[in-house]
């Protein structure tokens, strides 16, 4: 999937946000490049299957998965165009509908003991449905039929500029999976299982900053050309809001980890408790990195994102090799936390010029930290007497009251951020 897209979708969002009148030509030129990438990916995949001498049913499932990959990449191109126009509601609706189809087909397959190929085909059904919706909405909302175009339109420039995005994506994929691979090879599957629980929790939390990035990246790309002051305002407010969400989430998960693990995964996963209490602190760094990376991409500095992710990948691999033999899955958790810190730290270094006069942002960060600590104290005191879900609700109430009392978010800031999340057009923001 990295090969099929290789940074084109991220570049497409930025280009359309800056030059919306060229949407059709940009989309069709991107689809032409993706056609070549897709053919390459399929050939490489089939060669690997042959070299690894996989059984026929595995070959069949991978073939279906490749079809899913191609449909998803086509859909991502169209939805990237919608993101460039700051219209996210259609993509959101299609995702919900397609996942319902995947669930329905998958449940029917399980109910009737279908072959594994049928269960993988559930993903294909969802992707094909999304494709039909994406094409129809493209014709209705953007007024053109998407198709690969051989018309001269700077394909070489798109290929060159997307290369840094593609490298960053490839490095991120390695960073996201190499720790489990090394842990499994050096210790065993049980250790991978104990690490997978906290890793999934932290990974699942990433949908929040990812959603914000999808909203603010096209807006920052637009304002980079038309109003840099507004771009900086959006960037700083996104940092503030994500820290506002990440800090209490991290402290709450840290305090409630034992109850969450035992309630959701049973006592058999008690060894995961300490690993999760280490890894949850990576949520803060992970949240903050999204607007940092989005700003670099929006301002044409995507090569710095590639450098950052290459460095993080190397740091993660080296730390895992050093720590796993002695600390097993705890070493992997420590390596992941340090890697997240390096990721955010380098992002702050690259974007320091946009933060030099952010005194209000610094004051808000101190208030958020104070409110989070006080919320954590309330959760800690309630923890022995209530179910962890009630502790979470109580913590949210306390934290909300403190945030309002400390005046962390002003009404104008709230309107600005809600406007971005709801998908208002940049020129009427």
Protein backbone atom coordinates (compact mmCIF):
# COMPACT_ATOMS: atom_id res chain seq x y z
CA UNK A 1 0.00 0.00 0.00
CA UNK A 2 2.96 2.30 0.58
CA UNK A 3 4.18 1.60 -2.96
CA UNK A 4 0.75 2.23 -4.53
CA UNK A 5 0.36 5.67 -2.98
CA UNK A 6 3.94 6.70 -2.16
CA UNK A 7 3.02 10.13 -0.88
CA UNK A 8 0.77 11.16 -3.78
CA UNK A 9 -2.37 11.60 -1.68
CA UNK A 10 -0.72 13.92 0.83
CA UNK A 11 0.72 16.00 -2.00
CA UNK A 12 -2.66 16.03 -3.76
CA UNK A 13 -4.40 17.47 -0.68
CA UNK A 14 -1.91 20.32 -0.46
CA UNK A 15 -1.96 21.11 -4.18
CA UNK A 16 -5.77 21.18 -4.38
CA UNK A 17 -6.06 23.29 -1.23
CA UNK A 18 -3.76 25.83 -2.86
CA UNK A 19 -5.12 25.54 -6.44
CA UNK A 20 -8.72 24.25 -6.24
CA UNK A 21 -9.44 25.23 -9.85
CA UNK A 22 -7.04 22.49 -11.02
CA UNK A 23 -8.73 19.68 -9.06
CA UNK A 24 -9.74 17.51 -12.02
CA UNK A 25 -6.35 17.66 -13.73
CA UNK A 26 -4.50 16.99 -10.47
CA UNK A 27 -6.68 14.01 -9.57
CA UNK A 28 -6.46 12.42 -13.01
CA UNK A 29 -2.69 12.95 -13.21
CA UNK A 30 -2.34 11.35 -9.78
CA UNK A 31 -4.45 8.36 -10.86
CA UNK A 32 -2.15 7.83 -13.85
CA UNK A 33 0.91 7.68 -11.57
CA UNK A 34 -0.92 5.38 -9.16
CA UNK A 35 -1.75 3.02 -12.01
CA UNK A 36 1.95 2.48 -12.57
CA UNK A 37 2.64 2.20 -8.84
CA UNK A 38 -0.22 -0.28 -8.46
CA UNK A 39 1.08 -2.52 -11.23
CA UNK A 40 4.52 -2.48 -9.60
CA UNK A 41 3.09 -3.34 -6.18
CA UNK A 42 1.11 -6.29 -7.52
CA UNK A 43 4.11 -7.68 -9.39
CA UNK A 44 6.33 -7.34 -6.31
CA UNK A 45 3.67 -8.98 -4.12
CA UNK A 46 3.20 -11.96 -6.40
CA UNK A 47 6.96 -12.45 -6.75
CA UNK A 48 7.32 -12.47 -2.98
CA UNK A 49 4.55 -15.06 -2.67
CA UNK A 50 6.30 -17.27 -5.19
CA UNK A 51 9.70 -16.86 -3.49
CA UNK A 52 8.21 -17.64 -0.08
CA UNK A 53 6.41 -20.72 -1.48
CA UNK A 54 3.05 -19.96 0.12
CA UNK A 55 0.11 -22.42 -0.03
CA UNK A 56 -2.70 -21.80 -2.55
CA UNK A 57 -5.22 -20.44 -0.01
CA UNK A 58 -2.69 -17.86 1.17
CA UNK A 59 -2.03 -16.82 -2.42
CA UNK A 60 -5.77 -16.42 -2.96
CA UNK A 61 -6.20 -14.28 0.14
CA UNK A 62 -3.25 -12.06 -0.72
CA UNK A 63 -4.64 -11.63 -4.25
CA UNK A 64 -7.94 -10.43 -2.75
CA UNK A 65 -6.03 -8.16 -0.36
CA UNK A 66 -4.17 -6.65 -3.32
CA UNK A 67 -7.50 -5.83 -4.95
CA UNK A 68 -8.58 -4.17 -1.70
CA UNK A 69 -5.33 -2.22 -1.70
CA UNK A 70 -5.90 -0.93 -5.23
CA UNK A 71 -9.51 0.08 -4.60
CA UNK A 72 -8.54 1.80 -1.33
CA UNK A 73 -5.77 3.74 -3.03
CA UNK A 74 -8.18 4.89 -5.76
CA UNK A 75 -10.68 5.96 -3.09
CA UNK A 76 -7.98 7.78 -1.12
CA UNK A 77 -7.16 9.84 -4.20
CA UNK A 78 -10.74 11.03 -4.54
CA UNK A 79 -11.19 11.68 -0.83
CA UNK A 80 -7.92 13.61 -0.83
CA UNK A 81 -9.49 15.92 -3.39
CA UNK A 82 -12.48 16.42 -1.09
CA UNK A 83 -10.13 17.11 1.82
CA UNK A 84 -8.39 19.71 -0.33
CA UNK A 85 -11.77 21.41 -0.72
CA UNK A 86 -12.34 20.98 3.01
CA UNK A 87 -15.34 18.68 2.54
CA UNK A 88 -14.85 15.74 4.88
CA UNK A 89 -18.45 14.71 5.52
CA UNK A 90 -18.74 12.53 2.41
CA UNK A 91 -15.64 10.50 3.25
CA UNK A 92 -16.84 10.06 6.83
CA UNK A 93 -20.25 8.80 5.74
CA UNK A 94 -18.72 6.37 3.20
CA UNK A 95 -16.35 4.94 5.82
CA UNK A 96 -19.22 4.23 8.22
CA UNK A 97 -21.29 2.61 5.48
CA UNK A 98 -18.42 0.50 4.12
CA UNK A 99 -17.50 -0.76 7.60
CA UNK A 100 -21.11 -1.82 8.12
CA UNK A 101 -20.86 -3.83 4.89
CA UNK A 102 -17.58 -5.41 6.02
CA UNK A 103 -19.18 -6.33 9.35
CA UNK A 104 -22.29 -7.79 7.75
CA UNK A 105 -20.42 -9.89 5.16
CA UNK A 106 -17.90 -11.00 7.75
CA UNK A 107 -20.56 -12.07 10.27
CA UNK A 108 -22.46 -14.03 7.62
CA UNK A 109 -19.22 -15.73 6.60
CA UNK A 110 -18.44 -16.67 10.19
CA UNK A 111 -21.99 -17.88 10.78
CA UNK A 112 -21.82 -20.31 7.88
CA UNK A 113 -18.18 -21.36 8.44
CA UNK A 114 -17.07 -19.84 5.15
CA UNK A 115 -13.58 -20.22 3.80
CA UNK A 116 -11.02 -17.64 4.86
CA UNK A 117 -11.08 -16.19 1.37
CA UNK A 118 -14.72 -15.17 1.95
CA UNK A 119 -13.79 -13.33 5.12
CA UNK A 120 -11.05 -11.42 3.30
CA UNK A 121 -13.56 -10.72 0.54
CA UNK A 122 -15.64 -8.86 3.14
CA UNK A 123 -12.96 -6.16 3.03
CA UNK A 124 -13.18 -6.12 -0.76
CA UNK A 125 -16.95 -5.64 -0.61
CA UNK A 126 -16.50 -2.60 1.64
CA UNK A 127 -13.82 -1.12 -0.61
CA UNK A 128 -15.87 -1.62 -3.78
CA UNK A 129 -18.87 0.07 -2.16
CA UNK A 130 -16.69 3.01 -1.13
CA UNK A 131 -15.42 3.29 -4.72
CA UNK A 132 -18.94 3.60 -6.08
CA UNK A 133 -19.78 6.29 -3.53
CA UNK A 134 -16.52 8.16 -4.13
CA UNK A 135 -16.95 8.21 -7.93
CA UNK A 136 -20.58 9.30 -7.67
CA UNK A 137 -19.79 12.09 -5.19
CA UNK A 138 -16.84 13.25 -7.29
CA UNK A 139 -19.12 13.65 -10.29
CA UNK A 140 -21.86 15.35 -8.27
CA UNK A 141 -19.80 17.62 -6.00
CA UNK A 142 -16.59 18.23 -7.98
CA UNK A 143 -18.15 18.00 -11.48
CA UNK A 144 -15.85 15.48 -13.18
CA UNK A 145 -15.39 11.74 -13.65
CA UNK A 146 -12.08 10.57 -12.12
CA UNK A 147 -9.85 8.60 -14.50
CA UNK A 148 -6.12 8.24 -15.27
CA UNK A 149 -5.08 11.01 -17.64
CA UNK A 150 -2.20 10.96 -20.11
CA UNK A 151 -2.62 14.67 -20.84
CA UNK A 152 0.57 16.63 -20.13
CA UNK A 153 0.26 18.02 -16.62
CA UNK A 154 3.56 17.92 -14.79
CA UNK A 155 3.55 14.22 -13.91
CA UNK A 156 7.29 14.46 -13.32
CA UNK A 157 6.85 17.30 -10.83
CA UNK A 158 4.14 15.37 -8.95
CA UNK A 159 6.39 12.33 -8.82
CA UNK A 160 9.39 14.29 -7.52
CA UNK A 161 7.48 16.24 -4.89
CA UNK A 162 5.58 13.20 -3.64
CA UNK A 163 8.82 11.27 -3.11
CA UNK A 164 9.49 12.79 0.32
CA UNK A 165 5.92 12.04 1.40
CA UNK A 166 6.37 8.46 0.23
CA UNK A 167 9.63 7.98 2.09
CA UNK A 168 8.06 9.35 5.28
CA UNK A 169 5.17 6.91 4.90
CA UNK A 170 7.53 3.97 4.35
CA UNK A 171 9.66 4.86 7.39
CA UNK A 172 6.51 5.23 9.49
CA UNK A 173 5.28 1.77 8.47
CA UNK A 174 8.60 0.23 9.47
CA UNK A 175 8.61 2.10 12.79
CA UNK A 176 5.04 0.96 13.49
CA UNK A 177 5.71 -2.75 13.01
CA UNK A 178 9.41 -3.53 13.40
CA UNK A 179 9.24 -3.61 17.21
CA UNK A 180 6.77 -6.52 17.25
CA UNK A 181 8.81 -8.36 14.62
CA UNK A 182 12.04 -7.99 16.60
CA UNK A 183 10.30 -8.92 19.85
CA UNK A 184 8.84 -12.06 18.32
CA UNK A 185 12.18 -13.12 16.83
CA UNK A 186 14.25 -12.38 19.95
CA UNK A 187 11.85 -13.48 22.72
CA UNK A 188 8.72 -15.19 21.42
CA UNK A 189 5.02 -14.88 20.67
CA UNK A 190 3.91 -14.54 24.30
CA UNK A 191 6.00 -11.38 24.70
CA UNK A 192 4.46 -10.00 21.49
CA UNK A 193 1.01 -10.58 22.98
CA UNK A 194 1.83 -8.75 26.20
CA UNK A 195 3.17 -5.81 24.19
CA UNK A 196 0.32 -5.81 21.67
CA UNK A 197 -2.31 -4.86 24.27
CA UNK A 198 -0.83 -1.46 25.28
CA UNK A 199 0.40 -0.83 21.75
CA UNK A 200 -3.14 -1.22 20.38
CA UNK A 201 -4.51 1.18 22.99
CA UNK A 202 -1.97 3.87 22.08
CA UNK A 203 -2.46 3.23 18.37
CA UNK A 204 -6.25 3.44 18.69
CA UNK A 205 -5.95 6.84 20.35
CA UNK A 206 -4.21 8.18 17.25
CA UNK A 207 -7.52 8.50 15.40
CA UNK A 208 -8.15 11.75 17.32
CA UNK A 209 -5.10 13.70 16.09
CA UNK A 210 -5.41 12.03 12.69
CA UNK A 211 -8.92 13.45 12.35
CA UNK A 212 -7.68 16.91 13.29
CA UNK A 213 -4.79 16.61 10.83
CA UNK A 214 -7.23 15.73 8.05
CA UNK A 215 -9.11 18.93 8.84
CA UNK A 216 -6.27 21.39 9.43
CA UNK A 217 -3.73 20.21 6.83
CA UNK A 218 -5.70 21.48 3.78
CA UNK A 219 -6.54 24.71 5.62
CA UNK A 220 -2.89 25.35 6.51
CA UNK A 221 -1.90 24.55 2.93
CA UNK A 222 -4.41 27.12 1.67
CA UNK A 223 -3.35 29.82 4.11
CA UNK A 224 0.34 29.19 3.48
CA UNK A 225 -0.18 30.95 0.14
CA UNK A 226 -2.95 33.38 1.08
CA UNK A 227 -2.63 34.34 4.76
CA UNK A 228 0.31 33.02 6.79
CA UNK A 229 -0.91 34.66 9.99
CA UNK A 230 -4.06 32.56 9.87
CA UNK A 231 -1.99 29.47 9.17
CA UNK A 232 0.07 30.07 12.31
CA UNK A 233 -3.10 30.67 14.36
CA UNK A 234 -4.59 27.34 13.20
CA UNK A 235 -1.30 25.55 13.87
CA UNK A 236 -0.95 26.90 17.41
CA UNK A 237 -4.57 26.31 18.30
CA UNK A 238 -4.38 22.73 17.01
CA UNK A 239 -1.33 22.14 19.21
CA UNK A 240 -3.17 23.57 22.19
CA UNK A 241 -6.34 21.56 21.64
CA UNK A 242 -4.50 18.27 21.09
CA UNK A 243 -2.47 18.83 24.25
CA UNK A 244 -5.78 19.64 25.97
CA UNK A 245 -7.01 16.17 24.98
CA UNK A 246 -3.77 14.19 25.30
CA UNK A 247 -2.70 15.23 28.79
CA UNK A 248 -5.77 14.07 30.76
CA UNK A 249 -6.12 10.98 28.57
CA UNK A 250 -2.55 9.97 29.39
CA UNK A 251 -2.83 10.55 33.13
CA UNK A 252 -6.22 8.83 33.29
CA UNK A 253 -5.01 5.75 31.40
CA UNK A 254 -1.86 5.60 33.52
CA UNK A 255 -3.89 5.52 36.76
CA UNK A 256 -6.62 3.18 35.50
CA UNK A 257 -4.42 0.75 33.55
CA UNK A 258 -4.67 -2.14 36.08
CA UNK A 259 -8.48 -1.96 36.12
CA UNK A 260 -8.75 -1.59 32.34
CA UNK A 261 -6.42 -4.52 31.60
CA UNK A 262 -8.10 -6.87 34.10
CA UNK A 263 -11.61 -5.89 33.05
CA UNK A 264 -11.13 -6.01 29.29
CA UNK A 265 -8.36 -8.60 28.88
CA UNK A 266 -8.62 -10.63 32.15
CA UNK A 267 -5.86 -11.25 34.70
CA UNK A 268 -3.94 -13.34 32.17
CA UNK A 269 -2.64 -10.06 30.77
CA UNK A 270 -1.38 -8.62 34.07
CA UNK A 271 2.17 -8.54 32.64
CA UNK A 272 0.90 -5.90 30.17
CA UNK A 273 0.08 -3.44 32.96
CA UNK A 274 3.55 -2.00 33.43
CA UNK A 275 4.14 -1.99 29.67
CA UNK A 276 0.98 0.06 29.16
CA UNK A 277 1.86 2.47 31.97
CA UNK A 278 5.13 3.13 30.16
CA UNK A 279 3.71 3.37 26.68
CA UNK A 280 0.70 5.61 27.40
CA UNK A 281 3.00 8.60 27.85
CA UNK A 282 3.70 8.30 24.15
CA UNK A 283 0.14 9.52 23.53
CA UNK A 284 1.21 13.08 24.38
CA UNK A 285 4.10 13.05 21.91
CA UNK A 286 2.02 11.28 19.26
CA UNK A 287 -0.79 13.82 19.49
CA UNK A 288 1.52 16.82 19.27
CA UNK A 289 3.43 15.43 16.29
CA UNK A 290 0.41 15.48 13.96
CA UNK A 291 0.08 19.29 13.65
CA UNK A 292 3.87 19.61 13.56
CA UNK A 293 4.13 17.24 10.62
CA UNK A 294 1.10 18.80 8.94
CA UNK A 295 2.67 22.26 9.11
CA UNK A 296 5.89 21.05 7.49
CA UNK A 297 3.95 19.33 4.70
CA UNK A 298 1.67 22.35 4.17
CA UNK A 299 4.66 24.69 3.80
CA UNK A 300 6.55 22.51 1.32
CA UNK A 301 9.04 21.17 3.87
CA UNK A 302 7.97 17.52 3.62
CA UNK A 303 11.61 16.42 3.28
CA UNK A 304 12.04 17.32 6.96
CA UNK A 305 9.27 14.88 7.84
CA UNK A 306 11.18 12.20 5.91
CA UNK A 307 14.38 12.98 7.84
CA UNK A 308 12.50 12.87 11.14
CA UNK A 309 10.86 9.53 10.44
CA UNK A 310 14.08 7.99 9.17
CA UNK A 311 15.82 9.07 12.39
CA UNK A 312 12.96 7.73 14.54
CA UNK A 313 13.00 4.41 12.67
CA UNK A 314 16.75 4.01 13.28
CA UNK A 315 16.44 5.01 16.95
CA UNK A 316 13.60 2.53 17.44
CA UNK A 317 15.46 -0.38 15.84
CA UNK A 318 18.68 0.30 17.78
CA UNK A 319 16.86 0.67 21.11
CA UNK A 320 14.88 -2.51 20.57
CA UNK A 321 18.01 -4.48 19.77
CA UNK A 322 19.67 -3.12 22.94
CA UNK A 323 16.70 -3.39 25.32
CA UNK A 324 14.77 -6.51 24.27
CA UNK A 325 17.40 -9.08 25.41
CA UNK A 326 17.32 -7.71 28.97
CA UNK A 327 13.80 -6.31 29.40
CA UNK A 328 11.71 -8.21 26.80
CA UNK A 329 8.40 -6.45 26.02
CA UNK A 330 9.10 -3.77 28.65
CA UNK A 331 12.20 -2.85 26.66
CA UNK A 332 10.06 -2.57 23.53
CA UNK A 333 7.68 -0.24 25.40
CA UNK A 334 10.58 1.94 26.55
CA UNK A 335 11.97 2.04 23.00
CA UNK A 336 8.59 3.05 21.61
CA UNK A 337 8.17 5.84 24.19
CA UNK A 338 11.62 7.26 23.46
CA UNK A 339 10.91 7.04 19.73
CA UNK A 340 7.66 9.00 20.12
CA UNK A 341 9.57 11.62 22.13
CA UNK A 342 12.20 11.91 19.39
CA UNK A 343 9.43 12.21 16.77
CA UNK A 344 7.80 15.14 18.55
CA UNK A 345 11.12 16.69 19.59
CA UNK A 346 12.39 16.86 16.02
CA UNK A 347 9.03 18.24 14.89
CA UNK A 348 9.30 21.07 17.43
CA UNK A 349 12.85 21.72 16.28
CA UNK A 350 11.82 22.06 12.63
CA UNK A 351 8.85 24.32 13.46
CA UNK A 352 10.50 26.44 16.17
CA UNK A 353 10.27 29.58 14.01
CA UNK A 354 6.46 29.40 14.20
CA UNK A 355 6.49 29.11 18.02
CA UNK A 356 8.92 31.86 19.08
CA UNK A 357 6.20 34.30 20.15
CA UNK A 358 3.69 31.71 21.39
CA UNK A 359 3.56 32.97 24.98
CA UNK A 360 -0.22 32.49 25.19
CA UNK A 361 0.23 28.90 24.04
CA UNK A 362 2.80 28.32 26.79
CA UNK A 363 0.46 29.76 29.43
CA UNK A 364 -2.35 27.51 28.20
CA UNK A 365 -0.05 24.48 28.39
CA UNK A 366 0.73 25.23 32.05
CA UNK A 367 -2.98 25.55 32.84
CA UNK A 368 -3.75 22.29 31.03
CA UNK A 369 -1.00 20.51 32.93
CA UNK A 370 -2.34 21.82 36.27
CA UNK A 371 -5.91 20.80 35.41
CA UNK A 372 -4.76 17.34 34.33
CA UNK A 373 -2.82 16.76 37.55
CA UNK A 374 -5.81 17.80 39.66
CA UNK A 375 -8.06 15.56 37.59
CA UNK A 376 -5.59 12.72 38.10
CA UNK A 377 -5.74 13.27 41.85
CA UNK A 378 -9.54 13.02 41.77
CA UNK A 379 -9.40 9.80 39.72
CA UNK A 380 -6.77 8.34 42.06
CA UNK A 381 -8.94 9.04 45.13
CA UNK A 382 -12.06 7.58 43.49
CA UNK A 383 -10.38 4.53 41.99
CA UNK A 384 -10.75 2.16 45.00
CA UNK A 385 -14.47 2.88 45.39
CA UNK A 386 -15.90 2.89 41.84
CA UNK A 387 -15.79 0.98 38.58
CA UNK A 388 -13.16 2.39 36.24
CA UNK A 389 -15.84 3.66 33.83
CA UNK A 390 -17.35 5.81 36.58
CA UNK A 391 -13.86 7.08 37.42
CA UNK A 392 -13.46 8.12 33.79
CA UNK A 393 -16.78 10.01 33.83
CA UNK A 394 -15.89 11.71 37.10
CA UNK A 395 -12.47 12.65 35.74
CA UNK A 396 -14.03 14.17 32.61
CA UNK A 397 -16.41 16.28 34.72
CA UNK A 398 -13.62 17.50 36.99
CA UNK A 399 -11.31 18.25 34.09
CA UNK A 400 -13.99 20.11 32.11
CA UNK A 401 -14.80 22.25 35.13
CA UNK A 402 -11.14 23.08 35.68
CA UNK A 403 -10.56 23.94 32.01
CA UNK A 404 -13.52 26.31 32.08
CA UNK A 405 -12.42 27.77 35.39
CA UNK A 406 -8.85 28.31 34.16
CA UNK A 407 -10.18 29.87 30.92
CA UNK A 408 -7.95 27.71 28.78
CA UNK A 409 -10.17 27.95 25.69
CA UNK A 410 -11.82 31.26 24.78
CA UNK A 411 -15.07 31.38 22.76
CA UNK A 412 -13.24 32.70 19.67
CA UNK A 413 -10.72 29.84 19.83
CA UNK A 414 -13.52 27.32 20.18
CA UNK A 415 -15.31 28.72 17.12
CA UNK A 416 -12.10 28.65 15.08
CA UNK A 417 -11.34 25.03 15.89
CA UNK A 418 -14.92 23.82 15.54
CA UNK A 419 -15.10 25.52 12.17
CA UNK A 420 -12.09 23.55 10.98
CA UNK A 421 -13.35 20.22 12.35
CA UNK A 422 -16.81 20.74 10.84
CA UNK A 423 -15.26 21.39 7.44
CA UNK A 424 -16.06 25.04 6.83
CA UNK A 425 -14.49 26.54 3.75
CA UNK A 426 -11.18 28.30 4.47
CA UNK A 427 -12.25 31.53 2.78
CA UNK A 428 -15.28 31.98 5.07
CA UNK A 429 -13.58 30.82 8.25
